[in-house]
N, C-alpha and C. Protein backbone atom coordinates (compact mmCIF):
# COMPACT_ATOMS: atom_id res chain seq x y z
N MET A 1 0.46 -1.58 -0.36
CA MET A 1 -0.25 0.03 -0.17
C MET A 1 1.18 1.18 0.09
N CYS A 2 0.90 2.69 -0.74
CA CYS A 2 1.18 3.29 -1.02
C CYS A 2 0.65 4.50 -0.29
N GLN A 3 1.66 5.41 0.38
CA GLN A 3 1.21 6.86 1.23
C GLN A 3 1.39 7.85 1.01
N VAL A 4 0.89 9.12 0.54
CA VAL A 4 1.44 10.27 0.17
C VAL A 4 1.71 10.72 1.45
N VAL A 5 2.87 11.46 1.38
CA VAL A 5 3.72 12.19 2.80
C VAL A 5 4.23 13.06 2.44
N GLU A 6 4.08 14.52 3.08
CA GLU A 6 4.06 15.67 2.73
C GLU A 6 5.57 16.08 3.33
N VAL A 7 6.39 16.83 2.38
CA VAL A 7 7.89 16.86 3.76
C VAL A 7 8.25 18.14 3.43
N ASP A 8 8.08 19.01 4.12
CA ASP A 8 8.60 20.47 4.63
C ASP A 8 10.35 21.08 3.94
N GLU A 9 10.71 19.91 3.12
CA GLU A 9 12.45 20.10 2.47
C GLU A 9 11.69 19.69 0.93
N GLU A 10 13.34 20.04 0.33
CA GLU A 10 13.93 19.69 -0.38
C GLU A 10 14.46 18.30 -0.41
N VAL A 11 14.28 17.39 -1.23
CA VAL A 11 14.88 15.84 -1.60
C VAL A 11 15.80 15.76 -2.25
N VAL A 12 16.81 15.70 -2.77
CA VAL A 12 17.09 14.68 -3.77
C VAL A 12 17.29 13.17 -3.97
N ARG A 13 17.55 12.63 -3.13
CA ARG A 13 17.35 10.81 -2.87
C ARG A 13 16.66 10.51 -2.30
N VAL A 14 15.51 9.32 -2.09
CA VAL A 14 14.83 8.62 -1.49
C VAL A 14 15.89 7.16 -1.86
N PHE A 15 16.00 6.39 0.18
CA PHE A 15 16.72 5.37 -0.13
C PHE A 15 15.26 4.72 0.88
N CYS A 16 15.20 3.40 0.29
CA CYS A 16 14.36 2.03 0.47
C CYS A 16 14.73 1.23 1.28
N GLY A 17 13.72 0.58 2.24
CA GLY A 17 14.37 -0.53 3.19
C GLY A 17 13.35 -1.17 3.29
N PRO A 18 13.38 -2.44 3.33
CA PRO A 18 12.01 -3.75 4.26
C PRO A 18 11.54 -2.73 5.23
N SER A 19 11.59 -1.94 5.95
CA SER A 19 10.72 -1.66 7.15
C SER A 19 11.27 0.23 7.57
N ALA A 20 11.99 0.75 6.67
CA ALA A 20 12.09 2.45 6.99
C ALA A 20 12.15 2.81 5.26
N THR A 21 12.30 4.29 5.66
CA THR A 21 12.71 4.82 4.43
C THR A 21 13.42 6.55 4.56
N ALA A 22 14.36 6.37 4.58
CA ALA A 22 15.13 7.55 4.41
C ALA A 22 15.19 8.63 2.92
N LEU A 23 14.97 9.67 3.30
CA LEU A 23 15.19 11.17 2.79
C LEU A 23 16.24 11.78 2.76
N LEU A 24 17.00 12.17 1.99
CA LEU A 24 18.43 12.84 1.90
C LEU A 24 18.11 14.62 1.34
N THR A 25 18.90 15.52 2.22
CA THR A 25 18.47 16.44 1.32
C THR A 25 19.66 17.50 0.74
N PRO A 26 19.64 18.44 0.33
CA PRO A 26 20.80 18.61 -0.34
C PRO A 26 22.14 19.32 0.35
N GLU A 27 21.70 19.11 1.81
CA GLU A 27 22.55 20.23 2.66
C GLU A 27 23.40 18.39 3.25
N GLY A 28 22.52 17.42 2.81
CA GLY A 28 22.96 16.34 3.66
C GLY A 28 22.42 16.13 5.28
N SER A 29 21.17 16.08 5.44
CA SER A 29 20.95 15.94 6.26
C SER A 29 19.74 14.72 6.15
N LEU A 30 19.34 14.77 6.85
CA LEU A 30 18.56 13.14 6.84
C LEU A 30 17.20 12.44 7.44
N LEU A 31 16.71 12.44 6.79
CA LEU A 31 14.81 12.47 7.17
C LEU A 31 14.78 11.11 7.21
N VAL A 32 13.98 10.49 8.18
CA VAL A 32 13.56 9.12 8.35
C VAL A 32 12.39 8.69 8.79
N ALA A 33 11.85 7.32 8.31
CA ALA A 33 10.09 7.30 8.66
C ALA A 33 10.00 5.72 8.82
N GLY A 34 9.56 5.31 9.13
CA GLY A 34 9.35 3.56 9.98
C GLY A 34 9.65 2.98 11.06
N ARG A 35 9.60 1.70 10.68
CA ARG A 35 10.71 0.90 12.39
C ARG A 35 11.55 1.39 12.66
N ASN A 36 11.49 1.75 13.94
CA ASN A 36 12.67 2.40 14.70
C ASN A 36 12.84 1.63 15.76
N ARG A 37 12.90 0.02 15.27
CA ARG A 37 12.93 -0.72 16.71
C ARG A 37 14.32 -0.96 16.69
N GLY A 38 14.44 -0.58 18.19
CA GLY A 38 16.00 -0.63 18.79
C GLY A 38 17.17 0.19 18.23
N ASN A 39 16.00 1.27 18.07
CA ASN A 39 16.86 2.59 17.63
C ASN A 39 17.31 2.35 16.32
N MET A 40 17.09 1.92 15.90
CA MET A 40 17.47 1.27 14.18
C MET A 40 17.60 2.72 13.02
N LEU A 41 17.17 3.71 13.41
CA LEU A 41 17.13 4.94 13.01
C LEU A 41 17.63 6.01 13.32
N GLY A 42 18.19 5.98 14.29
CA GLY A 42 19.26 6.69 15.15
C GLY A 42 17.95 7.65 15.48
N LEU A 43 17.01 7.48 16.12
CA LEU A 43 16.19 8.62 16.56
C LEU A 43 15.56 7.96 17.89
N ASP A 44 15.71 9.56 19.14
CA ASP A 44 15.29 9.33 20.10
C ASP A 44 13.98 9.19 20.33
N GLU A 45 13.54 8.31 19.84
CA GLU A 45 11.88 8.52 19.31
C GLU A 45 11.33 6.90 20.13
N GLY A 46 10.11 6.87 20.30
CA GLY A 46 9.78 5.40 20.65
C GLY A 46 9.64 4.62 19.51
N GLU A 47 9.25 3.76 19.24
CA GLU A 47 8.85 2.74 18.16
C GLU A 47 7.60 3.32 17.41
N SER A 48 6.56 3.41 17.99
CA SER A 48 5.43 3.86 17.78
C SER A 48 4.81 5.13 17.27
N LYS A 49 6.12 5.86 17.30
CA LYS A 49 5.34 6.98 17.05
C LYS A 49 6.01 7.02 15.57
N VAL A 50 7.02 6.45 14.96
CA VAL A 50 7.50 6.57 13.82
C VAL A 50 7.26 5.48 12.45
N LYS A 51 6.97 4.45 13.49
CA LYS A 51 6.34 2.76 12.26
C LYS A 51 5.91 2.83 11.25
N GLN A 52 4.64 4.29 11.57
CA GLN A 52 3.31 4.45 10.61
C GLN A 52 3.92 5.11 9.03
N GLY A 53 4.85 5.77 9.53
CA GLY A 53 5.80 6.10 8.46
C GLY A 53 5.02 7.83 7.94
N GLU A 54 3.87 7.89 8.38
CA GLU A 54 3.09 9.23 8.54
C GLU A 54 4.42 10.52 8.83
N VAL A 55 5.04 10.27 9.51
CA VAL A 55 6.21 11.70 9.43
C VAL A 55 7.51 11.67 9.26
N PHE A 56 8.01 12.15 8.67
CA PHE A 56 9.96 12.16 8.41
C PHE A 56 10.34 12.90 9.54
N LEU A 57 11.15 12.10 10.65
CA LEU A 57 11.91 13.39 11.20
C LEU A 57 13.30 12.96 11.38
N ARG A 58 13.87 14.84 11.66
CA ARG A 58 15.55 14.37 11.26
C ARG A 58 15.94 13.53 11.96
N VAL A 59 17.61 12.58 11.35
CA VAL A 59 18.29 12.45 12.35
C VAL A 59 19.23 13.29 13.12
N LEU A 60 19.71 12.99 14.10
CA LEU A 60 20.47 13.94 15.18
C LEU A 60 21.58 14.45 14.33
N GLU A 61 21.88 15.66 14.21
CA GLU A 61 22.73 16.15 12.69
C GLU A 61 24.39 15.62 13.53
N GLU A 62 24.77 15.48 14.14
CA GLU A 62 25.98 14.50 15.02
C GLU A 62 26.43 13.81 13.87
N VAL A 63 25.43 13.19 13.35
CA VAL A 63 26.24 12.15 12.32
C VAL A 63 26.90 12.85 10.99
N GLY A 64 27.05 14.17 11.16
CA GLY A 64 27.72 14.99 9.76
C GLY A 64 26.86 14.80 8.55
N GLU A 65 27.78 15.14 7.48
CA GLU A 65 26.96 14.90 6.04
C GLU A 65 26.69 13.70 5.27
N VAL A 66 26.04 13.57 5.36
CA VAL A 66 25.23 12.22 5.11
C VAL A 66 25.29 12.05 3.30
N GLN A 67 26.16 11.00 2.86
CA GLN A 67 26.31 10.25 1.66
C GLN A 67 26.19 9.43 0.33
N GLU A 68 25.57 8.47 1.30
CA GLU A 68 24.59 7.17 1.17
C GLU A 68 23.82 6.33 2.61
N VAL A 69 23.40 5.78 1.97
CA VAL A 69 21.90 5.17 3.20
C VAL A 69 21.96 3.63 2.97
N SER A 70 22.13 2.79 3.63
CA SER A 70 21.93 1.59 3.53
C SER A 70 20.81 0.98 4.52
N LEU A 71 19.48 0.67 4.23
CA LEU A 71 18.72 0.22 5.43
C LEU A 71 18.57 -1.30 5.36
N GLY A 72 18.39 -2.12 6.12
CA GLY A 72 18.31 -3.17 5.89
C GLY A 72 16.74 -3.73 6.91
N GLU A 73 16.89 -4.97 7.29
CA GLU A 73 15.52 -5.05 8.07
C GLU A 73 15.67 -4.52 9.64
N GLU A 74 16.77 -4.55 10.37
CA GLU A 74 16.57 -3.96 11.53
C GLU A 74 17.53 -3.48 11.73
N SER A 75 18.49 -2.67 10.91
CA SER A 75 19.43 -1.73 10.98
C SER A 75 19.88 -0.83 9.86
N MET A 76 20.55 0.40 10.01
CA MET A 76 20.71 1.59 8.81
C MET A 76 22.17 1.53 9.09
N ALA A 77 22.98 1.92 7.75
CA ALA A 77 24.33 2.42 8.18
C ALA A 77 24.06 3.49 7.32
N LEU A 78 25.05 4.58 7.15
CA LEU A 78 25.57 6.13 6.86
C LEU A 78 26.80 6.04 6.52
N LEU A 79 27.08 6.37 5.26
CA LEU A 79 28.31 7.02 4.85
C LEU A 79 28.41 8.47 5.11
N THR A 80 29.70 9.13 5.37
CA THR A 80 28.74 10.52 6.07
C THR A 80 30.57 10.78 5.16
N ARG A 81 30.20 12.49 5.68
CA ARG A 81 31.74 12.95 5.12
C ARG A 81 32.33 13.93 6.13
């Protein structure tokens, strides 16, 4: 099932995994939505808050400028600058 979600930022790349989606902005910021089990998305939010994919949340800025993202079933890996 597809769901339309509005994002208030410009998005240059979309990364999809089996349980999460990540959006990359031109500045290298990362917005994520999906299953946050075990905090796999790097959010300090509970799983229920993001699992529906209705809202994209920004990953903490401390990760640096994101270049690439790989989303697994229960993990996320980032390549940063």
